[in-house]
Amino acid sequence: MLKMNLEFFPESMLVPDSLDGFDVSAAVGRMLDQPALWWQAVGLFVAHFADWEAAWQGCVGDDARERKQVHALRSAAANVGATALAASAGALENCLLARLAGGAERVPEALRARLQADFRGAWRGAADARRASDPEALAR
């Protein structure tokens, strides 16, 4: 389990000017303009979703379970500002909801492929940004 010490995150801690697939400024704004809260959320996102892809792959074929996995990711991605990931997760979630309601015949594989690519990019970007922000990690 990841423990976060907020003393590590001074109020003036800078956030990245840009991070591919993220709207960092909007996410920090939703967090009361406190970069420390955003960094904490990023740390939790990286830790909690480290094994997400394998768990998700294990749910494919069970629309209800897959929807729960995708919904959790969509919510967390939106929270940290991973806009592209939140959008692709939302598109797949909507398709799964339609299937659960008896509307859609099948899930287009392109939706899953897009989500997988967006997840990998966002998770790696968040992990790299988090690691770069940690002075102790940089010293190792």
Protein backbone atom coordinates (compact mmCIF):
# COMPACT_ATOMS: atom_id res chain seq x y z
CA MET A 1 0.00 0.00 0.00
CA LEU A 2 1.26 3.44 -0.92
CA LYS A 3 1.75 5.87 1.93
CA MET A 4 1.90 9.53 1.08
CA ASN A 5 3.48 12.07 3.39
CA LEU A 6 1.98 15.42 2.49
CA GLU A 7 4.94 17.17 4.12
CA PHE A 8 6.88 16.04 1.05
CA PHE A 9 4.50 18.10 -1.08
CA PRO A 10 5.00 21.77 -0.24
CA GLU A 11 2.16 24.08 -1.22
CA SER A 12 4.41 25.71 -3.81
CA MET A 13 5.38 22.40 -5.45
CA LEU A 14 5.35 22.81 -9.18
CA VAL A 15 3.29 20.66 -11.46
CA PRO A 16 4.38 19.78 -14.99
CA ASP A 17 3.77 22.47 -17.60
CA SER A 18 2.61 19.71 -19.90
CA LEU A 19 2.04 16.01 -19.64
CA ASP A 20 0.85 14.11 -22.73
CA GLY A 21 -2.83 13.27 -22.50
CA PHE A 22 -3.36 15.30 -19.31
CA ASP A 23 -4.95 18.64 -18.52
CA VAL A 24 -2.90 19.19 -15.37
CA SER A 25 -4.01 22.79 -14.88
CA ALA A 26 -7.71 21.88 -14.84
CA ALA A 27 -7.10 18.93 -12.50
CA VAL A 28 -5.14 21.10 -10.04
CA GLY A 29 -7.91 23.70 -10.27
CA ARG A 30 -10.49 21.09 -9.25
CA MET A 31 -8.26 20.30 -6.29
CA LEU A 32 -8.59 23.79 -4.82
CA ASP A 33 -5.49 24.93 -6.74
CA GLN A 34 -3.33 22.86 -4.42
CA PRO A 35 -0.57 21.06 -6.34
CA ALA A 36 0.06 18.84 -3.30
CA LEU A 37 -3.40 17.33 -3.69
CA TRP A 38 -2.80 16.67 -7.37
CA TRP A 39 0.53 14.98 -6.67
CA GLN A 40 -1.13 12.87 -3.99
CA ALA A 41 -3.87 11.84 -6.45
CA VAL A 42 -1.25 11.02 -9.11
CA GLY A 43 0.64 8.85 -6.61
CA LEU A 44 -2.54 6.99 -5.72
CA PHE A 45 -3.45 6.60 -9.41
CA VAL A 46 -0.04 5.11 -10.22
CA ALA A 47 -0.10 2.75 -7.24
CA HIS A 48 -3.73 1.65 -7.47
CA PHE A 49 -3.80 1.09 -11.22
CA ALA A 50 -0.37 -0.54 -11.61
CA ASP A 51 -2.03 -3.93 -12.25
CA TRP A 52 -5.22 -2.60 -13.79
CA GLU A 53 -4.57 -3.82 -17.33
CA ALA A 54 -4.28 -7.46 -16.29
CA ALA A 55 -7.40 -7.22 -14.12
CA TRP A 56 -9.31 -5.60 -16.98
CA GLN A 57 -8.18 -8.23 -19.50
CA GLY A 58 -9.44 -10.88 -17.09
CA CYS A 59 -12.92 -9.32 -17.17
CA VAL A 60 -13.33 -9.14 -20.94
CA GLY A 61 -16.28 -11.33 -21.81
CA ASP A 62 -18.16 -10.45 -18.62
CA ASP A 63 -19.72 -7.10 -19.49
CA ALA A 64 -20.77 -6.23 -15.95
CA ARG A 65 -17.33 -6.88 -14.44
CA GLU A 66 -15.56 -5.18 -17.31
CA ARG A 67 -17.80 -2.11 -16.97
CA LYS A 68 -16.87 -1.82 -13.27
CA GLN A 69 -13.16 -2.00 -14.10
CA VAL A 70 -13.49 0.58 -16.86
CA HIS A 71 -15.69 2.85 -14.76
CA ALA A 72 -13.16 2.91 -11.92
CA LEU A 73 -10.40 3.80 -14.37
CA ARG A 74 -12.50 6.50 -16.05
CA SER A 75 -13.25 8.15 -12.73
CA ALA A 76 -9.65 8.07 -11.54
CA ALA A 77 -8.36 9.31 -14.89
CA ALA A 78 -10.76 12.25 -14.85
CA ASN A 79 -9.67 13.06 -11.30
CA VAL A 80 -5.98 13.40 -12.20
CA GLY A 81 -6.70 15.15 -15.50
CA ALA A 82 -5.90 12.26 -17.86
CA THR A 83 -8.43 13.53 -20.38
CA ALA A 84 -7.66 11.19 -23.27
CA LEU A 85 -7.80 8.15 -20.99
CA ALA A 86 -11.03 9.31 -19.36
CA ALA A 87 -12.59 9.79 -22.81
CA SER A 88 -11.60 6.37 -24.15
CA ALA A 89 -12.71 4.68 -20.92
CA GLY A 90 -16.01 6.56 -21.13
CA ALA A 91 -16.58 5.41 -24.71
CA LEU A 92 -16.00 1.77 -23.77
CA GLU A 93 -18.11 2.10 -20.63
CA ASN A 94 -21.01 3.51 -22.67
CA CYS A 95 -20.76 0.62 -25.11
CA LEU A 96 -20.76 -1.89 -22.26
CA LEU A 97 -23.75 -0.17 -20.67
CA ALA A 98 -25.60 -0.43 -23.98
CA ARG A 99 -24.79 -4.14 -24.17
CA LEU A 100 -25.98 -4.65 -20.60
CA ALA A 101 -29.24 -2.95 -21.56
CA GLY A 102 -29.58 -5.28 -24.56
CA GLY A 103 -28.72 -2.66 -27.18
CA ALA A 104 -25.31 -3.32 -28.68
CA GLU A 105 -24.33 -6.51 -30.46
CA ARG A 106 -20.62 -6.48 -29.66
CA VAL A 107 -17.87 -4.25 -28.37
CA PRO A 108 -15.73 -2.95 -31.23
CA GLU A 109 -12.16 -4.10 -30.63
CA ALA A 110 -11.01 -0.60 -31.62
CA LEU A 111 -12.53 0.72 -28.37
CA ARG A 112 -10.51 -1.72 -26.30
CA ALA A 113 -7.35 -1.09 -28.31
CA ARG A 114 -7.74 2.68 -27.85
CA LEU A 115 -8.31 2.26 -24.12
CA GLN A 116 -5.28 0.00 -23.77
CA ALA A 117 -3.03 2.48 -25.62
CA ASP A 118 -4.38 5.45 -23.67
CA PHE A 119 -4.02 3.61 -20.37
CA ARG A 120 -0.42 2.63 -21.06
CA GLY A 121 0.49 6.18 -22.09
CA ALA A 122 -1.27 7.88 -19.19
CA TRP A 123 -0.06 5.45 -16.55
CA ARG A 124 3.54 5.63 -17.76
CA GLY A 125 3.36 9.43 -18.02
CA ALA A 126 1.97 9.72 -14.50
CA ALA A 127 4.52 7.25 -13.11
CA ASP A 128 7.40 9.07 -14.79
CA ALA A 129 6.18 12.48 -13.60
CA ARG A 130 5.75 11.18 -10.06
CA ARG A 131 9.19 9.61 -10.04
CA ALA A 132 10.77 12.81 -11.45
CA SER A 133 9.07 14.86 -8.72
CA ASP A 134 10.55 12.72 -5.92
CA PRO A 135 13.99 14.05 -4.92
CA GLU A 136 14.79 10.78 -3.13
CA ALA A 137 14.03 8.74 -6.26
CA LEU A 138 16.23 11.02 -8.34
CA ALA A 139 19.13 10.53 -5.92
CA ARG A 140 19.00 6.72 -6.31
